[in-house]
Amino acid sequence: MSGNIELLNTTLAATRAADRAALIAYLPAGFPTVDGGIEAVKAVIEGGADIVEIGLPHSDPVLDGPVIQTADDIALRGGVRIADVMRTVREAHEATGVPILVMTYWNPIDRYGVERFTAELAEAGGAGCILPDLPVQESALWREHADKHGLATVFVVAPSSQDARLATITAAGSGFVYAASLMGVTGTRASVGAQAQDLVGRTRATTDLPVCVGLGVSNATQAAEVAGFADGVIVGSAFVKAMLDAPDEAAGLAAVRSLAGELAEGVRKR
């Protein structure tokens, strides 16, 4: 069964044709529970998210700040497994028709088996993977199986990436390029900074792939700012924090649905 890279491509093409950025939401699988996590994904899509990234909780998340680490810890203590990640992708995609990607570190895939992981993700209706710690020069095996199963390979670029390195990374990727707005870990911040706009410009000079910006966006004003120069606005910690701060699951779902609505308005006001 083929994955949904084409759905991802057409979704990003449609938002570009509408002269706006895509809103891409991140939520970890298994948080607060597997069932609750699936409902949270549906809620952010109902609020206006165009694309969703499902995080595969990891015990050593080098890119993730304290908010997502807390959610990952809750999910891991709850016993979340890769099968639960696949179930989250499947049920969220079947319920909404929206492209769903998995964001994961390389070690869980390596241990699970690349062929097994890509085949199961495609079967679940996944659109691809974001792989923040997989070096491009070591990605041939992954890309071979991802291509075979119709899955996007999304690499992360950073403000420290030199132009030649950007060209190497973007030539190997598909779907879109994830541009980290700053050096550091995920989390909400008072401002996104000029580094992100410079990085998007330098990245675009190397590729026709959409360039989507993450790390630090937490409100509609920031979303509108980033949407002014990027093809997509990626928001994760703000959604997770809304869930963590809520007194119960129902309130958490209402909070992320409302936040998605505000951010969706923001990306349309660039």
C-alpha atoms as a PDB file:
ATOM      1  CA  MET A   1       0.000   0.000   0.000  1.00  0.00           C
ATOM      2  CA  SER A   2       1.292   3.440  -0.906  1.00  0.00           C
ATOM      3  CA  GLY A   3       1.587   6.264   1.588  1.00  0.00           C
ATOM      4  CA  ASN A   4       0.166   9.742   1.211  1.00  0.00           C
ATOM      5  CA  ILE A   5       3.069  11.895   0.027  1.00  0.00           C
ATOM      6  CA  GLU A   6       0.903  13.115  -2.859  1.00  0.00           C
ATOM      7  CA  LEU A   7      -1.778  14.258  -0.417  1.00  0.00           C
ATOM      8  CA  LEU A   8       0.893  16.214   1.449  1.00  0.00           C
ATOM      9  CA  ASN A   9       2.139  17.743  -1.795  1.00  0.00           C
ATOM     10  CA  THR A  10      -1.337  18.732  -2.977  1.00  0.00           C
ATOM     11  CA  THR A  11      -2.227  20.180   0.428  1.00  0.00           C
ATOM     12  CA  LEU A  12       0.835  22.422   0.426  1.00  0.00           C
ATOM     13  CA  ALA A  13       0.202  23.366  -3.206  1.00  0.00           C
ATOM     14  CA  ALA A  14      -3.382  24.294  -2.330  1.00  0.00           C
ATOM     15  CA  THR A  15      -2.387  26.564   0.562  1.00  0.00           C
ATOM     16  CA  ARG A  16       0.211  28.232  -1.652  1.00  0.00           C
ATOM     17  CA  ALA A  17      -2.420  28.720  -4.383  1.00  0.00           C
ATOM     18  CA  ALA A  18      -4.665  30.315  -1.752  1.00  0.00           C
ATOM     19  CA  ASP A  19      -1.800  32.754  -1.013  1.00  0.00           C
ATOM     20  CA  ARG A  20      -1.360  31.633   2.557  1.00  0.00           C
ATOM     21  CA  ALA A  21       0.867  29.445   4.648  1.00  0.00           C
ATOM     22  CA  ALA A  22      -0.165  26.011   5.877  1.00  0.00           C
ATOM     23  CA  LEU A  23      -0.768  25.485   9.589  1.00  0.00           C
ATOM     24  CA  ILE A  24       1.092  22.374  10.730  1.00  0.00           C
ATOM     25  CA  ALA A  25       0.343  21.110  14.233  1.00  0.00           C
ATOM     26  CA  TYR A  26       2.494  18.766  16.306  1.00  0.00           C
ATOM     27  CA  LEU A  27       1.203  16.469  19.044  1.00  0.00           C
ATOM     28  CA  PRO A  28       2.863  13.411  20.581  1.00  0.00           C
ATOM     29  CA  ALA A  29       1.149  10.030  20.331  1.00  0.00           C
ATOM     30  CA  GLY A  30      -0.070   8.561  23.588  1.00  0.00           C
ATOM     31  CA  PHE A  31      -0.575  11.919  25.304  1.00  0.00           C
ATOM     32  CA  PRO A  32      -2.467  12.181  27.568  1.00  0.00           C
ATOM     33  CA  THR A  33      -3.490   8.637  26.578  1.00  0.00           C
ATOM     34  CA  VAL A  34      -3.531   6.909  23.203  1.00  0.00           C
ATOM     35  CA  ASP A  35      -7.267   7.552  22.792  1.00  0.00           C
ATOM     36  CA  GLY A  36      -6.921  11.090  24.146  1.00  0.00           C
ATOM     37  CA  GLY A  37      -4.066  11.786  21.770  1.00  0.00           C
ATOM     38  CA  ILE A  38      -6.160  10.717  18.787  1.00  0.00           C
ATOM     39  CA  GLU A  39      -8.954  13.017  19.908  1.00  0.00           C
ATOM     40  CA  ALA A  40      -6.460  15.870  20.318  1.00  0.00           C
ATOM     41  CA  VAL A  41      -5.295  15.430  16.719  1.00  0.00           C
ATOM     42  CA  LYS A  42      -8.894  15.543  15.523  1.00  0.00           C
ATOM     43  CA  ALA A  43      -9.456  18.677  17.614  1.00  0.00           C
ATOM     44  CA  VAL A  44      -6.549  20.638  16.106  1.00  0.00           C
ATOM     45  CA  ILE A  45      -7.728  19.675  12.625  1.00  0.00           C
ATOM     46  CA  GLU A  46     -11.274  20.772  13.473  1.00  0.00           C
ATOM     47  CA  GLY A  47      -9.747  24.059  14.649  1.00  0.00           C
ATOM     48  CA  GLY A  48      -8.003  24.627  11.324  1.00  0.00           C
ATOM     49  CA  ALA A  49      -4.718  22.699  11.104  1.00  0.00           C
ATOM     50  CA  ASP A  50      -3.925  21.696   7.516  1.00  0.00           C
ATOM     51  CA  ILE A  51      -1.312  19.048   8.349  1.00  0.00           C
ATOM     52  CA  VAL A  52      -0.408  17.204  11.559  1.00  0.00           C
ATOM     53  CA  GLU A  53       2.856  15.777  12.836  1.00  0.00           C
ATOM     54  CA  ILE A  54       2.550  12.903  15.312  1.00  0.00           C
ATOM     55  CA  GLY A  55       5.501  12.676  17.657  1.00  0.00           C
ATOM     56  CA  LEU A  56       6.894   9.260  18.499  1.00  0.00           C
ATOM     57  CA  PRO A  57       7.726   9.644  22.211  1.00  0.00           C
ATOM     58  CA  HIS A  58      11.395   9.054  22.965  1.00  0.00           C
ATOM     59  CA  SER A  59      13.321   8.804  26.218  1.00  0.00           C
ATOM     60  CA  ASP A  60      16.143  11.049  24.963  1.00  0.00           C
ATOM     61  CA  PRO A  61      14.529  13.760  22.807  1.00  0.00           C
ATOM     62  CA  VAL A  62      17.473  15.969  21.883  1.00  0.00           C
ATOM     63  CA  LEU A  63      15.428  18.547  19.934  1.00  0.00           C
ATOM     64  CA  ASP A  64      12.492  18.787  22.349  1.00  0.00           C
ATOM     65  CA  GLY A  65      12.201  21.277  25.171  1.00  0.00           C
ATOM     66  CA  PRO A  66      10.687  20.702  28.630  1.00  0.00           C
ATOM     67  CA  VAL A  67       7.029  20.948  27.574  1.00  0.00           C
ATOM     68  CA  ILE A  68       7.218  18.193  24.959  1.00  0.00           C
ATOM     69  CA  GLN A  69       9.574  16.186  27.189  1.00  0.00           C
ATOM     70  CA  THR A  70       6.892  16.228  29.885  1.00  0.00           C
ATOM     71  CA  ALA A  71       4.254  14.980  27.453  1.00  0.00           C
ATOM     72  CA  ASP A  72       6.625  12.304  26.129  1.00  0.00           C
ATOM     73  CA  ASP A  73       7.266  11.136  29.683  1.00  0.00           C
ATOM     74  CA  ILE A  74       3.523  10.837  30.334  1.00  0.00           C
ATOM     75  CA  ALA A  75       3.090   8.848  27.120  1.00  0.00           C
ATOM     76  CA  LEU A  76       6.035   6.549  27.851  1.00  0.00           C
ATOM     77  CA  ARG A  77       4.867   5.926  31.416  1.00  0.00           C
ATOM     78  CA  GLY A  78       1.502   5.051  29.901  1.00  0.00           C
ATOM     79  CA  GLY A  79       3.193   2.353  27.846  1.00  0.00           C
ATOM     80  CA  VAL A  80       2.928   3.898  24.374  1.00  0.00           C
ATOM     81  CA  ARG A  81       4.426   1.776  21.601  1.00  0.00           C
ATOM     82  CA  ILE A  82       5.081   2.214  17.878  1.00  0.00           C
ATOM     83  CA  ALA A  83       1.851   0.308  17.217  1.00  0.00           C
ATOM     84  CA  ASP A  84       0.020   3.091  19.078  1.00  0.00           C
ATOM     85  CA  VAL A  85       1.733   5.709  16.905  1.00  0.00           C
ATOM     86  CA  MET A  86       0.540   3.875  13.799  1.00  0.00           C
ATOM     87  CA  ARG A  87      -2.968   3.629  15.237  1.00  0.00           C
ATOM     88  CA  THR A  88      -2.954   7.360  15.923  1.00  0.00           C
ATOM     89  CA  VAL A  89      -1.929   8.086  12.331  1.00  0.00           C
ATOM     90  CA  ARG A  90      -4.531   5.694  10.933  1.00  0.00           C
ATOM     91  CA  GLU A  91      -7.499   6.872  12.979  1.00  0.00           C
ATOM     92  CA  ALA A  92      -6.679  10.563  12.638  1.00  0.00           C
ATOM     93  CA  HIS A  93      -6.249  10.319   8.880  1.00  0.00           C
ATOM     94  CA  GLU A  94      -9.348   8.171   8.367  1.00  0.00           C
ATOM     95  CA  ALA A  95     -11.435  10.596  10.418  1.00  0.00           C
ATOM     96  CA  THR A  96     -10.206  13.785   8.743  1.00  0.00           C
ATOM     97  CA  GLY A  97      -8.528  13.077   5.390  1.00  0.00           C
ATOM     98  CA  VAL A  98      -5.669  15.378   6.412  1.00  0.00           C
ATOM     99  CA  PRO A  99      -2.013  14.439   5.725  1.00  0.00           C
ATOM    100  CA  ILE A 100      -0.411  13.013   8.859  1.00  0.00           C
ATOM    101  CA  LEU A 101       3.348  12.669   9.316  1.00  0.00           C
ATOM    102  CA  VAL A 102       5.389  11.077  12.078  1.00  0.00           C
ATOM    103  CA  MET A 103       8.195  13.020  13.731  1.00  0.00           C
ATOM    104  CA  THR A 104      10.735  10.674  15.240  1.00  0.00           C
ATOM    105  CA  TYR A 105      14.347  10.240  16.151  1.00  0.00           C
ATOM    106  CA  TRP A 106      16.226   7.609  14.206  1.00  0.00           C
ATOM    107  CA  ASN A 107      16.950   5.073  16.943  1.00  0.00           C
ATOM    108  CA  PRO A 108      13.362   3.766  17.322  1.00  0.00           C
ATOM    109  CA  ILE A 109      13.090   3.210  13.548  1.00  0.00           C
ATOM    110  CA  ASP A 110      16.490   1.552  13.393  1.00  0.00           C
ATOM    111  CA  ARG A 111      15.532  -0.867  16.165  1.00  0.00           C
ATOM    112  CA  TYR A 112      12.056  -1.516  14.745  1.00  0.00           C
ATOM    113  CA  GLY A 113      13.311  -2.078  11.203  1.00  0.00           C
ATOM    114  CA  VAL A 114      13.181   0.417   8.346  1.00  0.00           C
ATOM    115  CA  GLU A 115      11.150  -1.790   5.995  1.00  0.00           C
ATOM    116  CA  ARG A 116       8.675  -2.707   8.713  1.00  0.00           C
ATOM    117  CA  PHE A 117       8.267   0.901   9.855  1.00  0.00           C
ATOM    118  CA  THR A 118       7.779   2.377   6.384  1.00  0.00           C
ATOM    119  CA  ALA A 119       5.398  -0.392   5.308  1.00  0.00           C
ATOM    120  CA  GLU A 120       3.254   0.045   8.425  1.00  0.00           C
ATOM    121  CA  LEU A 121       3.246   3.843   8.178  1.00  0.00           C
ATOM    122  CA  ALA A 122       2.123   3.678   4.549  1.00  0.00           C
ATOM    123  CA  GLU A 123      -0.556   1.125   5.418  1.00  0.00           C
ATOM    124  CA  ALA A 124      -1.810   3.438   8.158  1.00  0.00           C
ATOM    125  CA  GLY A 125      -2.232   6.248   5.628  1.00  0.00           C
ATOM    126  CA  GLY A 126       0.805   8.238   6.762  1.00  0.00           C
ATOM    127  CA  ALA A 127       2.270  10.917   4.509  1.00  0.00           C
ATOM    128  CA  GLY A 128       5.870  10.678   5.639  1.00  0.00           C
ATOM    129  CA  CYS A 129       8.411  11.244   8.389  1.00  0.00           C
ATOM    130  CA  ILE A 130      10.338  14.139   9.864  1.00  0.00           C
ATOM    131  CA  LEU A 131      13.748  12.873  10.961  1.00  0.00           C
ATOM    132  CA  PRO A 132      15.606  15.568  12.910  1.00  0.00           C
ATOM    133  CA  ASP A 133      18.671  13.522  13.847  1.00  0.00           C
ATOM    134  CA  LEU A 134      19.212  11.383  10.716  1.00  0.00           C
ATOM    135  CA  PRO A 135      22.248  12.715   8.804  1.00  0.00           C
ATOM    136  CA  VAL A 136      21.570  12.990   5.085  1.00  0.00           C
ATOM    137  CA  GLN A 137      24.731  11.069   4.278  1.00  0.00           C
ATOM    138  CA  GLU A 138      23.402   8.123   6.297  1.00  0.00           C
ATOM    139  CA  SER A 139      19.828   8.271   4.976  1.00  0.00           C
ATOM    140  CA  ALA A 140      20.007   6.185   1.789  1.00  0.00           C
ATOM    141  CA  LEU A 141      18.389   3.088   3.318  1.00  0.00           C
ATOM    142  CA  TRP A 142      15.548   5.117   4.799  1.00  0.00           C
ATOM    143  CA  ARG A 143      14.943   7.049   1.582  1.00  0.00           C
ATOM    144  CA  GLU A 144      14.915   3.877  -0.494  1.00  0.00           C
ATOM    145  CA  HIS A 145      12.113   2.388   1.590  1.00  0.00           C
ATOM    146  CA  ALA A 146      10.265   5.692   2.007  1.00  0.00           C
ATOM    147  CA  ASP A 147      10.228   6.195  -1.763  1.00  0.00           C
ATOM    148  CA  LYS A 148       9.040   2.618  -2.293  1.00  0.00           C
ATOM    149  CA  HIS A 149       6.122   3.178   0.062  1.00  0.00           C
ATOM    150  CA  GLY A 150       5.110   6.678  -1.063  1.00  0.00           C
ATOM    151  CA  LEU A 151       6.324   8.520   2.034  1.00  0.00           C
ATOM    152  CA  ALA A 152       7.923  11.952   2.311  1.00  0.00           C
ATOM    153  CA  THR A 153      11.338  12.359   3.911  1.00  0.00           C
ATOM    154  CA  VAL A 154      11.447  15.706   5.710  1.00  0.00           C
ATOM    155  CA  PHE A 155      14.846  16.874   6.917  1.00  0.00           C
ATOM    156  CA  VAL A 156      15.515  19.684   9.387  1.00  0.00           C
ATOM    157  CA  VAL A 157      17.747  22.654   8.564  1.00  0.00           C
ATOM    158  CA  ALA A 158      19.015  25.185  11.104  1.00  0.00           C
ATOM    159  CA  PRO A 159      20.328  28.767  11.056  1.00  0.00           C
ATOM    160  CA  SER A 160      23.834  27.324  11.431  1.00  0.00           C
ATOM    161  CA  SER A 161      23.511  25.319   8.192  1.00  0.00           C
ATOM    162  CA  GLN A 162      25.898  26.601   5.538  1.00  0.00           C
ATOM    163  CA  ASP A 163      24.557  27.120   2.005  1.00  0.00           C
ATOM    164  CA  ALA A 164      26.342  24.090   0.562  1.00  0.00           C
ATOM    165  CA  ARG A 165      24.968  21.951   3.365  1.00  0.00           C
ATOM    166  CA  LEU A 166      21.471  23.299   2.744  1.00  0.00           C
ATOM    167  CA  ALA A 167      21.714  22.251  -0.896  1.00  0.00           C
ATOM    168  CA  THR A 168      22.765  18.731   0.087  1.00  0.00           C
ATOM    169  CA  ILE A 169      19.912  18.394   2.577  1.00  0.00           C
ATOM    170  CA  THR A 170      17.181  19.780   0.343  1.00  0.00           C
ATOM    171  CA  ALA A 171      18.274  17.659  -2.621  1.00  0.00           C
ATOM    172  CA  ALA A 172      17.709  14.526  -0.529  1.00  0.00           C
ATOM    173  CA  GLY A 173      14.382  15.554   1.024  1.00  0.00           C
ATOM    174  CA  SER A 174      10.792  15.446  -0.145  1.00  0.00           C
ATOM    175  CA  GLY A 175       7.437  16.827   0.979  1.00  0.00           C
ATOM    176  CA  PHE A 176       8.808  19.984   2.567  1.00  0.00           C
ATOM    177  CA  VAL A 177      11.846  21.292   4.410  1.00  0.00           C
ATOM    178  CA  TYR A 178      11.562  21.848   8.172  1.00  0.00           C
ATOM    179  CA  ALA A 179      13.409  25.076   8.988  1.00  0.00           C
ATOM    180  CA  ALA A 180      14.241  25.408  12.682  1.00  0.00           C
ATOM    181  CA  SER A 181      13.763  29.090  13.456  1.00  0.00           C
ATOM    182  CA  LEU A 182      16.629  29.220  15.930  1.00  0.00           C
ATOM    183  CA  MET A 183      19.364  27.201  17.518  1.00  0.00           C
ATOM    184  CA  GLY A 184      18.041  25.284  20.510  1.00  0.00           C
ATOM    185  CA  VAL A 185      15.158  23.075  21.550  1.00  0.00           C
ATOM    186  CA  THR A 186      11.413  23.349  21.014  1.00  0.00           C
ATOM    187  CA  GLY A 187       9.362  25.698  23.163  1.00  0.00           C
ATOM    188  CA  THR A 188       7.244  28.826  23.070  1.00  0.00           C
ATOM    189  CA  ARG A 189       9.144  32.101  22.842  1.00  0.00           C
ATOM    190  CA  ALA A 190       8.417  35.813  22.942  1.00  0.00           C
ATOM    191  CA  SER A 191       9.652  36.266  19.380  1.00  0.00           C
ATOM    192  CA  VAL A 192      10.635  34.044  16.485  1.00  0.00           C
ATOM    193  CA  GLY A 193      13.494  36.227  15.284  1.00  0.00           C
ATOM    194  CA  ALA A 194      15.043  37.358  12.024  1.00  0.00           C
ATOM    195  CA  GLN A 195      17.185  34.217  11.767  1.00  0.00           C
ATOM    196  CA  ALA A 196      14.158  32.287  10.541  1.00  0.00           C
ATOM    197  CA  GLN A 197      13.480  34.602   7.601  1.00  0.00           C
ATOM    198  CA  ASP A 198      17.126  34.505   6.548  1.00  0.00           C
ATOM    199  CA  LEU A 199      17.143  30.704   6.767  1.00  0.00           C
ATOM    200  CA  VAL A 200      13.984  30.408   4.664  1.00  0.00           C
ATOM    201  CA  GLY A 201      15.492  32.642   1.983  1.00  0.00           C
ATOM    202  CA  ARG A 202      18.735  30.695   1.881  1.00  0.00           C
ATOM    203  CA  THR A 203      16.875  27.375   1.816  1.00  0.00           C
ATOM    204  CA  ARG A 204      14.567  28.480  -0.996  1.00  0.00           C
ATOM    205  CA  ALA A 205      17.615  29.335  -3.070  1.00  0.00           C
ATOM    206  CA  THR A 206      18.454  25.601  -3.119  1.00  0.00           C
ATOM    207  CA  THR A 207      15.049  23.952  -3.694  1.00  0.00           C
ATOM    208  CA  ASP A 208      11.492  24.188  -4.987  1.00  0.00           C
ATOM    209  CA  LEU A 209      10.220  22.278  -1.941  1.00  0.00           C
ATOM    210  CA  PRO A 210       7.982  24.240   0.435  1.00  0.00           C
ATOM    211  CA  VAL A 211       9.878  25.582   3.451  1.00  0.00           C
ATOM    212  CA  CYS A 212       8.010  25.384   6.760  1.00  0.00           C
ATOM    213  CA  VAL A 213       9.192  27.033   9.965  1.00  0.00           C
ATOM    214  CA  GLY A 214       8.990  25.563  13.452  1.00  0.00           C
ATOM    215  CA  LEU A 215      10.334  26.173  16.979  1.00  0.00           C
ATOM    216  CA  GLY A 216       8.961  29.096  18.928  1.00  0.00           C
ATOM    217  CA  VAL A 217       5.600  29.939  17.313  1.00  0.00           C
ATOM    218  CA  SER A 218       2.844  30.023  19.921  1.00  0.00           C
ATOM    219  CA  ASN A 219       0.243  32.651  19.013  1.00  0.00           C
ATOM    220  CA  ALA A 220      -1.614  34.163  16.070  1.00  0.00           C
ATOM    221  CA  THR A 221       0.658  37.203  15.834  1.00  0.00           C
ATOM    222  CA  GLN A 222       3.774  35.063  15.541  1.00  0.00           C
ATOM    223  CA  ALA A 223       1.988  32.748  13.103  1.00  0.00           C
ATOM    224  CA  ALA A 224       1.121  35.713  10.896  1.00  0.00           C
ATOM    225  CA  GLU A 225       4.715  36.973  11.052  1.00  0.00           C
ATOM    226  CA  VAL A 226       6.184  33.609  10.012  1.00  0.00           C
ATOM    227  CA  ALA A 227       3.468  33.082   7.389  1.00  0.00           C
ATOM    228  CA  GLY A 228       4.712  36.265   5.735  1.00  0.00           C
ATOM    229  CA  PHE A 229       7.888  34.524   4.586  1.00  0.00           C
ATOM    230  CA  ALA A 230       7.359  30.744   4.983  1.00  0.00           C
ATOM    231  CA  ASP A 231       5.190  28.156   3.226  1.00  0.00           C
ATOM    232  CA  GLY A 232       4.092  26.590   6.499  1.00  0.00           C
ATOM    233  CA  VAL A 233       3.977  27.442  10.204  1.00  0.00           C
ATOM    234  CA  ILE A 234       4.717  24.553  12.564  1.00  0.00           C
ATOM    235  CA  VAL A 235       3.363  24.733  16.125  1.00  0.00           C
ATOM    236  CA  GLY A 236       3.987  22.088  18.754  1.00  0.00           C
ATOM    237  CA  SER A 237       4.823  23.186  22.287  1.00  0.00           C
ATOM    238  CA  ALA A 238       1.911  25.639  22.465  1.00  0.00           C
ATOM    239  CA  PHE A 239      -0.574  22.824  21.741  1.00  0.00           C
ATOM    240  CA  VAL A 240       1.082  20.474  24.212  1.00  0.00           C
ATOM    241  CA  LYS A 241       1.171  23.178  26.892  1.00  0.00           C
ATOM    242  CA  ALA A 242      -2.535  23.841  26.366  1.00  0.00           C
ATOM    243  CA  MET A 243      -3.207  20.148  27.017  1.00  0.00           C
ATOM    244  CA  LEU A 244      -0.901  20.048  30.041  1.00  0.00           C
ATOM    245  CA  ASP A 245      -2.451  23.159  31.600  1.00  0.00           C
ATOM    246  CA  ALA A 246      -6.048  21.989  31.176  1.00  0.00           C
ATOM    247  CA  PRO A 247      -7.860  20.640  34.272  1.00  0.00           C
ATOM    248  CA  ASP A 248      -9.216  17.640  32.362  1.00  0.00           C
ATOM    249  CA  GLU A 249      -9.141  16.047  28.925  1.00  0.00           C
ATOM    250  CA  ALA A 250     -12.325  17.716  27.676  1.00  0.00           C
ATOM    251  CA  ALA A 251     -10.962  21.129  28.574  1.00  0.00           C
ATOM    252  CA  GLY A 252      -7.678  20.241  26.901  1.00  0.00           C
ATOM    253  CA  LEU A 253      -9.416  19.317  23.662  1.00  0.00           C
ATOM    254  CA  ALA A 254     -11.373  22.562  23.731  1.00  0.00           C
ATOM    255  CA  ALA A 255      -8.159  24.498  24.360  1.00  0.00           C
ATOM    256  CA  VAL A 256      -6.216  23.008  21.443  1.00  0.00           C
ATOM    257  CA  ARG A 257      -9.208  23.374  19.118  1.00  0.00           C
ATOM    258  CA  SER A 258      -9.459  27.050  20.053  1.00  0.00           C
ATOM    259  CA  LEU A 259      -5.713  27.632  19.709  1.00  0.00           C
ATOM    260  CA  ALA A 260      -5.724  25.984  16.275  1.00  0.00           C
ATOM    261  CA  GLY A 261      -8.511  28.361  15.247  1.00  0.00           C
ATOM    262  CA  GLU A 262      -6.519  31.394  16.370  1.00  0.00           C
ATOM    263  CA  LEU A 263      -3.368  30.182  14.605  1.00  0.00           C
ATOM    264  CA  ALA A 264      -5.329  29.359  11.441  1.00  0.00           C
ATOM    265  CA  GLU A 265      -6.572  32.947  11.394  1.00  0.00           C
ATOM    266  CA  GLY A 266      -3.007  34.107  11.910  1.00  0.00           C
ATOM    267  CA  VAL A 267      -1.593  32.271   8.897  1.00  0.00           C
ATOM    268  CA  ARG A 268      -4.321  33.855   6.776  1.00  0.00           C
ATOM    269  CA  LYS A 269      -3.396  37.386   7.881  1.00  0.00           C
ATOM    270  CA  ARG A 270       0.206  37.364   6.756  1.00  0.00           C
END
